[in-house]
Amino acid sequence: MNYTINENFCDKETAKDIIDFCIEYGEPFSYKPTESWDCRRIYDETFKEKIISLLTNNYKTGRFNLWFNFNTFNLKNFNISLTSYYDGRYLNLHKDKSSELTTVIVLSDGFTGGEFALTEDDNPPYNFETLNGLTLINLKLGDCISFNGSNTYHGVLPVTRGVRYALNIWMTESDFDYPKLKINTTLI
């Protein structure tokens, strides 16, 4: 399974600035009304470009390592969101519809649970009824994980105390267009 963990990708002050911006300007988003997560999509182009520049600059300085040469990645489109997990919220195992490079940056600390789960199993335990076959990763504030989101099942275990904020970045080399949904609209 190809994935890379980068520790100390960003500091606490940068993380707080990202959270504050996303809470103020992000738009509530869900795929279906029964989801157990709190998500805000970020459509501000200036902010999105700053995040991509942060990734690129950190790659150049060795603070963002990947299992492939990022300089050869033909980025055509990307999407960014802030997810918040608290009070038992979690995200079932899933594959991203279109993301050859998914990066998740944890922006908070002081939470319990919220382990990041990965598996390449063809039929994984959808809602964590068992953890067999899963790789569980405890990411700390400022740490990030990158992987091929379209090929790898991934999710977040329930957060039982505190709030786990994470910035999620989906990047694609295809012409896939991440649609902007009307507020309080779902895809399913």
N, C-alpha and C. Protein backbone atom coordinates (compact mmCIF):
# COMPACT_ATOMS: atom_id res chain seq x y z
N MET A 1 0.86 -1.17 0.00
CA MET A 1 0.00 0.00 0.00
C MET A 1 0.91 1.23 0.00
N ASN A 2 0.69 2.09 -0.95
CA ASN A 2 1.49 3.31 -1.03
C ASN A 2 0.84 4.43 -0.25
N TYR A 3 1.52 4.86 0.80
CA TYR A 3 1.11 6.05 1.54
C TYR A 3 2.34 6.63 2.20
N THR A 4 2.27 7.90 2.51
CA THR A 4 3.39 8.59 3.14
C THR A 4 2.85 9.42 4.29
N ILE A 5 3.54 9.36 5.43
CA ILE A 5 3.21 10.20 6.57
C ILE A 5 4.31 11.24 6.71
N ASN A 6 3.91 12.48 6.84
CA ASN A 6 4.86 13.57 7.07
C ASN A 6 4.53 14.21 8.41
N GLU A 7 5.46 14.14 9.34
CA GLU A 7 5.26 14.75 10.65
C GLU A 7 5.62 16.23 10.57
N ASN A 8 4.98 17.01 11.42
CA ASN A 8 5.26 18.44 11.52
C ASN A 8 5.16 19.17 10.18
N PHE A 9 4.13 18.82 9.42
CA PHE A 9 3.90 19.48 8.13
C PHE A 9 3.59 20.96 8.31
N CYS A 10 2.83 21.26 9.36
CA CYS A 10 2.55 22.67 9.68
C CYS A 10 2.57 22.83 11.20
N ASP A 11 2.76 24.08 11.63
CA ASP A 11 2.82 24.35 13.07
C ASP A 11 1.42 24.69 13.60
N LYS A 12 1.35 24.85 14.92
CA LYS A 12 0.07 25.07 15.59
C LYS A 12 -0.58 26.39 15.14
N GLU A 13 0.21 27.43 14.94
CA GLU A 13 -0.34 28.72 14.53
C GLU A 13 -0.94 28.63 13.11
N THR A 14 -0.23 27.98 12.21
CA THR A 14 -0.75 27.80 10.85
C THR A 14 -2.02 26.97 10.88
N ALA A 15 -2.03 25.91 11.69
CA ALA A 15 -3.21 25.06 11.81
C ALA A 15 -4.41 25.87 12.31
N LYS A 16 -4.19 26.70 13.33
CA LYS A 16 -5.29 27.53 13.86
C LYS A 16 -5.80 28.50 12.80
N ASP A 17 -4.90 29.11 12.04
CA ASP A 17 -5.32 30.03 10.98
C ASP A 17 -6.17 29.32 9.93
N ILE A 18 -5.78 28.09 9.57
CA ILE A 18 -6.54 27.30 8.59
C ILE A 18 -7.93 26.98 9.13
N ILE A 19 -7.99 26.51 10.38
CA ILE A 19 -9.29 26.19 11.00
C ILE A 19 -10.19 27.42 11.00
N ASP A 20 -9.66 28.54 11.49
CA ASP A 20 -10.46 29.77 11.60
C ASP A 20 -11.00 30.19 10.23
N PHE A 21 -10.16 30.16 9.20
CA PHE A 21 -10.59 30.56 7.87
C PHE A 21 -11.69 29.62 7.36
N CYS A 22 -11.47 28.33 7.51
CA CYS A 22 -12.42 27.34 6.99
C CYS A 22 -13.77 27.40 7.71
N ILE A 23 -13.74 27.63 9.01
CA ILE A 23 -15.01 27.75 9.75
C ILE A 23 -15.76 29.00 9.32
N GLU A 24 -15.04 30.09 9.09
CA GLU A 24 -15.71 31.33 8.70
C GLU A 24 -16.20 31.31 7.26
N TYR A 25 -15.40 30.75 6.35
CA TYR A 25 -15.72 30.87 4.92
C TYR A 25 -16.12 29.55 4.25
N GLY A 26 -15.93 28.43 4.92
CA GLY A 26 -16.30 27.15 4.33
C GLY A 26 -17.81 26.98 4.29
N GLU A 27 -18.27 26.19 3.32
CA GLU A 27 -19.71 25.93 3.18
C GLU A 27 -20.03 24.52 3.64
N PRO A 28 -21.06 24.36 4.51
CA PRO A 28 -21.44 23.02 4.97
C PRO A 28 -21.67 22.08 3.79
N PHE A 29 -21.23 20.85 3.95
CA PHE A 29 -21.27 19.90 2.84
C PHE A 29 -21.52 18.49 3.38
N SER A 30 -22.33 17.72 2.64
CA SER A 30 -22.47 16.29 2.95
C SER A 30 -22.90 15.56 1.69
N TYR A 31 -22.55 14.28 1.63
CA TYR A 31 -22.98 13.45 0.52
C TYR A 31 -24.39 12.91 0.74
N LYS A 32 -24.71 12.68 2.01
CA LYS A 32 -26.04 12.18 2.35
C LYS A 32 -26.37 12.61 3.78
N PRO A 33 -27.64 12.76 4.10
CA PRO A 33 -28.01 13.33 5.40
C PRO A 33 -27.69 12.45 6.60
N THR A 34 -27.39 11.17 6.42
CA THR A 34 -27.13 10.29 7.56
C THR A 34 -25.66 10.23 7.93
N GLU A 35 -24.82 11.05 7.31
CA GLU A 35 -23.39 10.98 7.59
C GLU A 35 -23.07 11.41 9.01
N SER A 36 -22.02 10.82 9.54
CA SER A 36 -21.59 11.13 10.89
C SER A 36 -20.28 11.93 10.84
N TRP A 37 -20.30 13.03 10.14
CA TRP A 37 -19.15 13.92 10.10
C TRP A 37 -19.65 15.35 9.95
N ASP A 38 -18.77 16.27 10.14
CA ASP A 38 -19.07 17.69 10.01
C ASP A 38 -18.04 18.21 9.02
N CYS A 39 -18.51 18.62 7.84
CA CYS A 39 -17.61 18.99 6.75
C CYS A 39 -17.94 20.36 6.19
N ARG A 40 -16.90 21.11 5.85
CA ARG A 40 -17.05 22.40 5.19
C ARG A 40 -16.16 22.41 3.96
N ARG A 41 -16.76 22.62 2.79
CA ARG A 41 -15.99 22.73 1.54
C ARG A 41 -15.48 24.16 1.41
N ILE A 42 -14.28 24.28 0.89
CA ILE A 42 -13.65 25.58 0.71
C ILE A 42 -13.60 25.88 -0.79
N TYR A 43 -14.25 26.95 -1.18
CA TYR A 43 -14.30 27.34 -2.59
C TYR A 43 -13.48 28.60 -2.89
N ASP A 44 -12.95 29.24 -1.88
CA ASP A 44 -12.16 30.44 -2.06
C ASP A 44 -10.86 30.09 -2.81
N GLU A 45 -10.74 30.60 -4.04
CA GLU A 45 -9.61 30.24 -4.90
C GLU A 45 -8.26 30.70 -4.35
N THR A 46 -8.22 31.86 -3.72
CA THR A 46 -6.96 32.35 -3.15
C THR A 46 -6.48 31.44 -2.03
N PHE A 47 -7.40 31.02 -1.15
CA PHE A 47 -7.04 30.11 -0.07
C PHE A 47 -6.57 28.77 -0.64
N LYS A 48 -7.31 28.25 -1.61
CA LYS A 48 -6.94 26.96 -2.21
C LYS A 48 -5.54 27.02 -2.84
N GLU A 49 -5.24 28.10 -3.52
CA GLU A 49 -3.91 28.25 -4.13
C GLU A 49 -2.82 28.33 -3.06
N LYS A 50 -3.12 28.97 -1.91
CA LYS A 50 -2.15 29.04 -0.81
C LYS A 50 -1.85 27.64 -0.27
N ILE A 51 -2.88 26.80 -0.18
CA ILE A 51 -2.67 25.44 0.33
C ILE A 51 -1.84 24.63 -0.66
N ILE A 52 -2.14 24.73 -1.95
CA ILE A 52 -1.34 24.01 -2.96
C ILE A 52 0.09 24.52 -2.95
N SER A 53 0.29 25.83 -2.78
CA SER A 53 1.65 26.39 -2.69
C SER A 53 2.38 25.85 -1.46
N LEU A 54 1.64 25.71 -0.34
CA LEU A 54 2.24 25.13 0.86
C LEU A 54 2.72 23.71 0.60
N LEU A 55 1.88 22.91 -0.08
CA LEU A 55 2.29 21.54 -0.43
C LEU A 55 3.53 21.55 -1.31
N THR A 56 3.50 22.37 -2.35
CA THR A 56 4.60 22.43 -3.30
C THR A 56 5.89 22.90 -2.64
N ASN A 57 5.80 23.97 -1.85
CA ASN A 57 6.99 24.48 -1.17
C ASN A 57 7.54 23.48 -0.16
N ASN A 58 6.65 22.82 0.57
CA ASN A 58 7.11 21.81 1.53
C ASN A 58 7.74 20.62 0.81
N TYR A 59 7.26 20.29 -0.39
CA TYR A 59 7.87 19.21 -1.17
C TYR A 59 9.30 19.61 -1.57
N LYS A 60 9.46 20.84 -2.01
CA LYS A 60 10.79 21.32 -2.44
C LYS A 60 11.79 21.33 -1.30
N THR A 61 11.31 21.60 -0.08
CA THR A 61 12.23 21.66 1.08
C THR A 61 12.34 20.34 1.83
N GLY A 62 11.65 19.30 1.35
CA GLY A 62 11.73 17.99 2.00
C GLY A 62 10.81 17.79 3.17
N ARG A 63 9.86 18.72 3.40
CA ARG A 63 8.90 18.58 4.51
C ARG A 63 7.62 17.89 4.07
N PHE A 64 7.51 17.59 2.77
CA PHE A 64 6.35 16.88 2.23
C PHE A 64 6.89 15.82 1.27
N ASN A 65 7.08 14.62 1.81
CA ASN A 65 7.63 13.52 1.02
C ASN A 65 6.50 12.62 0.54
N LEU A 66 6.68 12.08 -0.65
CA LEU A 66 5.70 11.18 -1.25
C LEU A 66 6.41 9.94 -1.78
N TRP A 67 5.65 8.93 -2.15
CA TRP A 67 6.20 7.70 -2.69
C TRP A 67 6.51 7.83 -4.19
N PHE A 68 6.25 9.00 -4.76
CA PHE A 68 6.53 9.26 -6.17
C PHE A 68 7.04 10.69 -6.29
N ASN A 69 7.51 11.06 -7.47
CA ASN A 69 8.03 12.40 -7.73
C ASN A 69 6.87 13.36 -7.96
N PHE A 70 6.60 14.22 -6.99
CA PHE A 70 5.49 15.18 -7.07
C PHE A 70 5.69 16.17 -8.22
N ASN A 71 6.94 16.40 -8.61
CA ASN A 71 7.21 17.32 -9.74
C ASN A 71 6.62 16.80 -11.04
N THR A 72 6.39 15.49 -11.13
CA THR A 72 5.82 14.92 -12.36
C THR A 72 4.30 14.79 -12.29
N PHE A 73 3.71 15.14 -11.14
CA PHE A 73 2.25 15.06 -10.98
C PHE A 73 1.61 16.20 -11.77
N ASN A 74 0.76 15.86 -12.72
CA ASN A 74 0.12 16.84 -13.59
C ASN A 74 -1.21 17.29 -12.97
N LEU A 75 -1.13 18.15 -11.97
CA LEU A 75 -2.31 18.61 -11.24
C LEU A 75 -3.24 19.39 -12.16
N LYS A 76 -4.45 18.85 -12.35
CA LYS A 76 -5.44 19.54 -13.18
C LYS A 76 -6.58 20.11 -12.36
N ASN A 77 -6.90 19.48 -11.25
CA ASN A 77 -7.99 19.97 -10.43
C ASN A 77 -7.79 19.50 -9.00
N PHE A 78 -8.31 20.26 -8.04
CA PHE A 78 -8.22 19.87 -6.64
C PHE A 78 -9.39 20.44 -5.87
N ASN A 79 -9.63 19.85 -4.73
CA ASN A 79 -10.74 20.24 -3.87
C ASN A 79 -10.23 20.22 -2.44
N ILE A 80 -10.76 21.10 -1.60
CA ILE A 80 -10.30 21.19 -0.22
C ILE A 80 -11.52 21.28 0.70
N SER A 81 -11.43 20.59 1.84
CA SER A 81 -12.47 20.73 2.85
C SER A 81 -11.87 20.61 4.24
N LEU A 82 -12.60 21.11 5.21
CA LEU A 82 -12.26 20.95 6.62
C LEU A 82 -13.27 19.99 7.22
N THR A 83 -12.78 18.94 7.86
CA THR A 83 -13.68 18.03 8.55
C THR A 83 -13.45 18.16 10.06
N SER A 84 -14.54 18.02 10.81
CA SER A 84 -14.52 18.09 12.27
C SER A 84 -15.18 16.82 12.80
N TYR A 85 -14.49 16.13 13.68
CA TYR A 85 -15.02 14.92 14.30
C TYR A 85 -15.07 15.14 15.81
N TYR A 86 -16.22 14.86 16.42
CA TYR A 86 -16.44 15.05 17.86
C TYR A 86 -17.68 14.27 18.24
N ASP A 87 -17.87 14.03 19.52
CA ASP A 87 -19.08 13.35 20.02
C ASP A 87 -19.36 12.04 19.29
N GLY A 88 -18.32 11.23 19.05
CA GLY A 88 -18.51 9.93 18.41
C GLY A 88 -18.55 9.97 16.90
N ARG A 89 -18.37 11.14 16.29
CA ARG A 89 -18.40 11.23 14.83
C ARG A 89 -17.21 10.48 14.23
N TYR A 90 -17.42 9.96 13.02
CA TYR A 90 -16.42 9.15 12.33
C TYR A 90 -16.71 9.22 10.83
N LEU A 91 -15.86 8.58 10.04
CA LEU A 91 -16.09 8.49 8.60
C LEU A 91 -15.83 7.05 8.18
N ASN A 92 -16.88 6.39 7.68
CA ASN A 92 -16.76 5.00 7.24
C ASN A 92 -15.69 4.85 6.17
N LEU A 93 -15.19 3.62 6.05
CA LEU A 93 -14.22 3.34 4.99
C LEU A 93 -14.84 3.58 3.63
N HIS A 94 -14.08 4.19 2.75
CA HIS A 94 -14.56 4.54 1.41
C HIS A 94 -13.36 4.79 0.50
N LYS A 95 -13.62 4.88 -0.78
CA LYS A 95 -12.64 5.35 -1.75
C LYS A 95 -13.15 6.67 -2.29
N ASP A 96 -12.23 7.56 -2.61
CA ASP A 96 -12.62 8.84 -3.19
C ASP A 96 -13.03 8.64 -4.64
N LYS A 97 -14.02 9.40 -5.08
CA LYS A 97 -14.50 9.26 -6.45
C LYS A 97 -13.40 9.57 -7.45
N SER A 98 -12.66 10.63 -7.21
CA SER A 98 -11.58 11.01 -8.12
C SER A 98 -10.50 11.74 -7.33
N SER A 99 -9.43 11.03 -7.00
CA SER A 99 -8.29 11.65 -6.35
C SER A 99 -7.10 10.72 -6.44
N GLU A 100 -6.20 11.04 -7.33
CA GLU A 100 -4.98 10.24 -7.42
C GLU A 100 -4.03 10.56 -6.27
N LEU A 101 -4.22 11.71 -5.64
CA LEU A 101 -3.42 12.08 -4.48
C LEU A 101 -4.32 12.77 -3.47
N THR A 102 -4.60 12.05 -2.40
CA THR A 102 -5.38 12.60 -1.29
C THR A 102 -4.40 12.89 -0.15
N THR A 103 -4.50 14.08 0.43
CA THR A 103 -3.67 14.44 1.58
C THR A 103 -4.58 14.93 2.69
N VAL A 104 -4.37 14.40 3.89
CA VAL A 104 -5.14 14.79 5.07
C VAL A 104 -4.15 15.35 6.10
N ILE A 105 -4.38 16.59 6.53
CA ILE A 105 -3.52 17.25 7.50
C ILE A 105 -4.32 17.45 8.79
N VAL A 106 -3.86 16.87 9.89
CA VAL A 106 -4.55 17.03 11.17
C VAL A 106 -4.17 18.39 11.75
N LEU A 107 -5.18 19.14 12.17
CA LEU A 107 -5.00 20.53 12.59
C LEU A 107 -5.26 20.79 14.07
N SER A 108 -5.55 19.75 14.85
CA SER A 108 -5.86 19.95 16.26
C SER A 108 -5.20 18.86 17.10
N ASP A 109 -5.22 19.09 18.40
CA ASP A 109 -4.73 18.08 19.34
C ASP A 109 -5.72 18.00 20.50
N GLY A 110 -5.44 17.16 21.46
CA GLY A 110 -6.32 17.06 22.63
C GLY A 110 -7.57 16.24 22.40
N PHE A 111 -7.61 15.43 21.34
CA PHE A 111 -8.76 14.57 21.10
C PHE A 111 -8.38 13.12 21.36
N THR A 112 -9.39 12.31 21.62
CA THR A 112 -9.19 10.87 21.83
C THR A 112 -9.93 10.13 20.73
N GLY A 113 -9.31 9.07 20.22
CA GLY A 113 -9.87 8.34 19.08
C GLY A 113 -9.45 9.04 17.80
N GLY A 114 -10.24 8.88 16.74
CA GLY A 114 -9.96 9.58 15.50
C GLY A 114 -8.78 9.03 14.73
N GLU A 115 -8.43 7.75 14.98
CA GLU A 115 -7.32 7.17 14.23
C GLU A 115 -7.69 7.12 12.76
N PHE A 116 -6.70 7.34 11.90
CA PHE A 116 -6.90 7.25 10.47
C PHE A 116 -6.73 5.79 10.08
N ALA A 117 -7.66 5.26 9.29
CA ALA A 117 -7.64 3.85 8.90
C ALA A 117 -7.44 3.73 7.40
N LEU A 118 -6.59 2.78 7.00
CA LEU A 118 -6.33 2.49 5.59
C LEU A 118 -6.38 0.99 5.37
N THR A 119 -6.81 0.56 4.19
CA THR A 119 -6.72 -0.84 3.82
C THR A 119 -6.83 -0.96 2.30
N GLU A 120 -6.20 -1.99 1.78
CA GLU A 120 -6.35 -2.30 0.36
C GLU A 120 -7.24 -3.52 0.17
N ASP A 121 -7.85 -4.01 1.27
CA ASP A 121 -8.77 -5.14 1.17
C ASP A 121 -9.90 -4.80 0.20
N ASP A 122 -10.35 -5.80 -0.56
CA ASP A 122 -11.44 -5.58 -1.51
C ASP A 122 -12.79 -5.44 -0.83
N ASN A 123 -12.94 -6.03 0.34
CA ASN A 123 -14.21 -6.01 1.04
C ASN A 123 -13.97 -5.66 2.51
N PRO A 124 -13.60 -4.41 2.80
CA PRO A 124 -13.24 -4.07 4.17
C PRO A 124 -14.48 -3.92 5.06
N PRO A 125 -14.26 -3.94 6.39
CA PRO A 125 -15.37 -3.71 7.32
C PRO A 125 -15.85 -2.27 7.18
N TYR A 126 -17.02 -2.10 6.64
CA TYR A 126 -17.53 -0.78 6.28
C TYR A 126 -17.54 0.20 7.44
N ASN A 127 -18.09 -0.21 8.57
CA ASN A 127 -18.25 0.73 9.68
C ASN A 127 -17.47 0.31 10.93
N PHE A 128 -16.31 -0.30 10.73
CA PHE A 128 -15.38 -0.62 11.80
C PHE A 128 -15.92 -1.63 12.80
N GLU A 129 -16.81 -2.53 12.33
CA GLU A 129 -17.27 -3.59 13.24
C GLU A 129 -16.12 -4.50 13.63
N THR A 130 -15.08 -4.54 12.81
CA THR A 130 -13.82 -5.20 13.15
C THR A 130 -12.70 -4.34 12.60
N LEU A 131 -11.55 -4.41 13.23
CA LEU A 131 -10.40 -3.63 12.76
C LEU A 131 -9.38 -4.53 12.05
N ASN A 132 -9.75 -5.80 11.85
CA ASN A 132 -8.86 -6.73 11.17
C ASN A 132 -8.55 -6.23 9.76
N GLY A 133 -7.29 -6.30 9.38
CA GLY A 133 -6.88 -5.91 8.04
C GLY A 133 -6.72 -4.41 7.84
N LEU A 134 -6.94 -3.64 8.89
CA LEU A 134 -6.81 -2.19 8.77
C LEU A 134 -5.45 -1.73 9.31
N THR A 135 -4.88 -0.76 8.66
CA THR A 135 -3.71 -0.06 9.19
C THR A 135 -4.25 1.17 9.89
N LEU A 136 -4.00 1.28 11.21
CA LEU A 136 -4.48 2.42 11.99
C LEU A 136 -3.30 3.34 12.29
N ILE A 137 -3.51 4.63 12.07
CA ILE A 137 -2.45 5.61 12.22
C ILE A 137 -2.93 6.75 13.10
N ASN A 138 -2.16 7.04 14.14
CA ASN A 138 -2.45 8.16 15.03
C ASN A 138 -1.68 9.37 14.52
N LEU A 139 -2.40 10.30 13.93
CA LEU A 139 -1.78 11.53 13.44
C LEU A 139 -1.93 12.62 14.50
N LYS A 140 -0.86 13.35 14.72
CA LYS A 140 -0.87 14.44 15.69
C LYS A 140 -1.02 15.78 14.96
N LEU A 141 -1.26 16.84 15.71
CA LEU A 141 -1.40 18.17 15.14
C LEU A 141 -0.21 18.46 14.23
N GLY A 142 -0.50 18.86 12.99
CA GLY A 142 0.54 19.19 12.02
C GLY A 142 1.00 18.04 11.17
N ASP A 143 0.63 16.81 11.52
CA ASP A 143 1.01 15.64 10.72
C ASP A 143 0.06 15.49 9.54
N CYS A 144 0.58 14.92 8.45
CA CYS A 144 -0.30 14.65 7.31
C CYS A 144 -0.01 13.27 6.74
N ILE A 145 -1.01 12.72 6.09
CA ILE A 145 -0.88 11.45 5.39
C ILE A 145 -1.34 11.66 3.96
N SER A 146 -0.62 11.05 3.02
CA SER A 146 -0.96 11.15 1.60
C SER A 146 -1.03 9.74 1.01
N PHE A 147 -1.97 9.53 0.09
CA PHE A 147 -2.18 8.22 -0.52
C PHE A 147 -3.05 8.40 -1.76
N ASN A 148 -3.20 7.35 -2.53
CA ASN A 148 -4.09 7.39 -3.69
C ASN A 148 -5.51 7.12 -3.18
N GLY A 149 -6.30 8.17 -3.07
CA GLY A 149 -7.63 8.05 -2.49
C GLY A 149 -8.62 7.29 -3.34
N SER A 150 -8.37 7.20 -4.65
CA SER A 150 -9.28 6.46 -5.53
C SER A 150 -9.04 4.96 -5.47
N ASN A 151 -7.87 4.54 -4.99
CA ASN A 151 -7.52 3.12 -4.94
C ASN A 151 -7.51 2.52 -3.55
N THR A 152 -7.45 3.35 -2.53
CA THR A 152 -7.27 2.87 -1.16
C THR A 152 -8.48 3.20 -0.31
N TYR A 153 -9.06 2.18 0.33
CA TYR A 153 -10.13 2.43 1.30
C TYR A 153 -9.52 3.16 2.50
N HIS A 154 -10.21 4.17 2.98
CA HIS A 154 -9.73 4.95 4.11
C HIS A 154 -10.91 5.53 4.87
N GLY A 155 -10.68 5.88 6.13
CA GLY A 155 -11.72 6.45 6.96
C GLY A 155 -11.14 6.93 8.28
N VAL A 156 -12.00 7.39 9.17
CA VAL A 156 -11.59 7.91 10.47
C VAL A 156 -12.44 7.23 11.54
N LEU A 157 -11.77 6.63 12.53
CA LEU A 157 -12.49 6.01 13.63
C LEU A 157 -13.15 7.08 14.50
N PRO A 158 -14.16 6.69 15.30
CA PRO A 158 -14.88 7.68 16.12
C PRO A 158 -13.97 8.46 17.06
N VAL A 159 -14.27 9.75 17.19
CA VAL A 159 -13.60 10.60 18.17
C VAL A 159 -14.48 10.61 19.41
N THR A 160 -13.91 10.20 20.54
CA THR A 160 -14.68 10.05 21.76
C THR A 160 -14.52 11.21 22.74
N ARG A 161 -13.49 12.03 22.53
CA ARG A 161 -13.27 13.20 23.39
C ARG A 161 -12.56 14.27 22.58
N GLY A 162 -12.96 15.52 22.76
CA GLY A 162 -12.32 16.62 22.06
C GLY A 162 -12.80 16.74 20.62
N VAL A 163 -12.08 17.53 19.84
CA VAL A 163 -12.42 17.76 18.43
C VAL A 163 -11.19 17.50 17.57
N ARG A 164 -11.38 16.67 16.55
CA ARG A 164 -10.31 16.39 15.58
C ARG A 164 -10.64 17.17 14.30
N TYR A 165 -9.87 18.23 14.04
CA TYR A 165 -10.00 18.99 12.80
C TYR A 165 -8.97 18.47 11.81
N ALA A 166 -9.36 18.36 10.55
CA ALA A 166 -8.41 17.96 9.51
C ALA A 166 -8.73 18.68 8.21
N LEU A 167 -7.68 19.08 7.51
CA LEU A 167 -7.82 19.64 6.18
C LEU A 167 -7.63 18.50 5.19
N ASN A 168 -8.59 18.34 4.29
CA ASN A 168 -8.55 17.26 3.31
C ASN A 168 -8.36 17.87 1.93
N ILE A 169 -7.40 17.34 1.18
CA ILE A 169 -7.09 17.86 -0.13
C ILE A 169 -7.14 16.70 -1.12
N TRP A 170 -8.00 16.84 -2.13
CA TRP A 170 -8.11 15.84 -3.19
C TRP A 170 -7.51 16.43 -4.44
N MET A 171 -6.56 15.73 -5.04
CA MET A 171 -5.90 16.22 -6.25
C MET A 171 -6.01 15.17 -7.35
N THR A 172 -6.24 15.67 -8.56
CA THR A 172 -6.42 14.75 -9.67
C THR A 172 -5.63 15.21 -10.90
N GLU A 173 -5.20 14.25 -11.67
CA GLU A 173 -4.55 14.53 -12.94
C GLU A 173 -5.56 14.48 -14.09
N SER A 174 -6.80 14.19 -13.77
CA SER A 174 -7.85 14.13 -14.79
C SER A 174 -8.61 15.47 -14.82
N ASP A 175 -9.52 15.58 -15.75
CA ASP A 175 -10.33 16.80 -15.86
C ASP A 175 -11.57 16.74 -14.99
N PHE A 176 -11.59 15.85 -13.99
CA PHE A 176 -12.73 15.74 -13.09
C PHE A 176 -13.02 17.10 -12.46
N ASP A 177 -14.27 17.49 -12.46
CA ASP A 177 -14.67 18.76 -11.88
C ASP A 177 -15.39 18.50 -10.57
N TYR A 178 -14.84 18.99 -9.48
CA TYR A 178 -15.48 18.84 -8.17
C TYR A 178 -16.64 19.83 -8.11
N PRO A 179 -17.88 19.34 -8.16
CA PRO A 179 -19.02 20.26 -8.25
C PRO A 179 -19.25 21.02 -6.96
N LYS A 180 -19.71 22.25 -7.09
CA LYS A 180 -20.11 23.03 -5.95
C LYS A 180 -21.59 22.79 -5.74
N LEU A 181 -21.94 22.33 -4.55
CA LEU A 181 -23.34 22.06 -4.25
C LEU A 181 -23.96 23.25 -3.54
N LYS A 182 -25.26 23.38 -3.67
CA LYS A 182 -25.97 24.40 -2.91
C LYS A 182 -25.91 24.02 -1.44
N ILE A 183 -25.88 25.03 -0.57
CA ILE A 183 -25.84 24.77 0.86
C ILE A 183 -27.02 23.89 1.25
N ASN A 184 -26.74 22.92 2.12
CA ASN A 184 -27.72 21.96 2.63
C ASN A 184 -28.26 21.03 1.54
N THR A 185 -27.53 20.88 0.46
CA THR A 185 -27.89 19.94 -0.61
C THR A 185 -26.98 18.73 -0.47
N THR A 186 -27.50 17.56 -0.78
CA THR A 186 -26.68 16.36 -0.73
C THR A 186 -26.64 15.71 -2.10
N LEU A 187 -25.62 14.89 -2.32
CA LEU A 187 -25.48 14.22 -3.61
C LEU A 187 -26.36 13.00 -3.75
N ILE A 188 -26.70 12.38 -2.63
CA ILE A 188 -27.48 11.14 -2.70
C ILE A 188 -28.88 11.38 -2.19
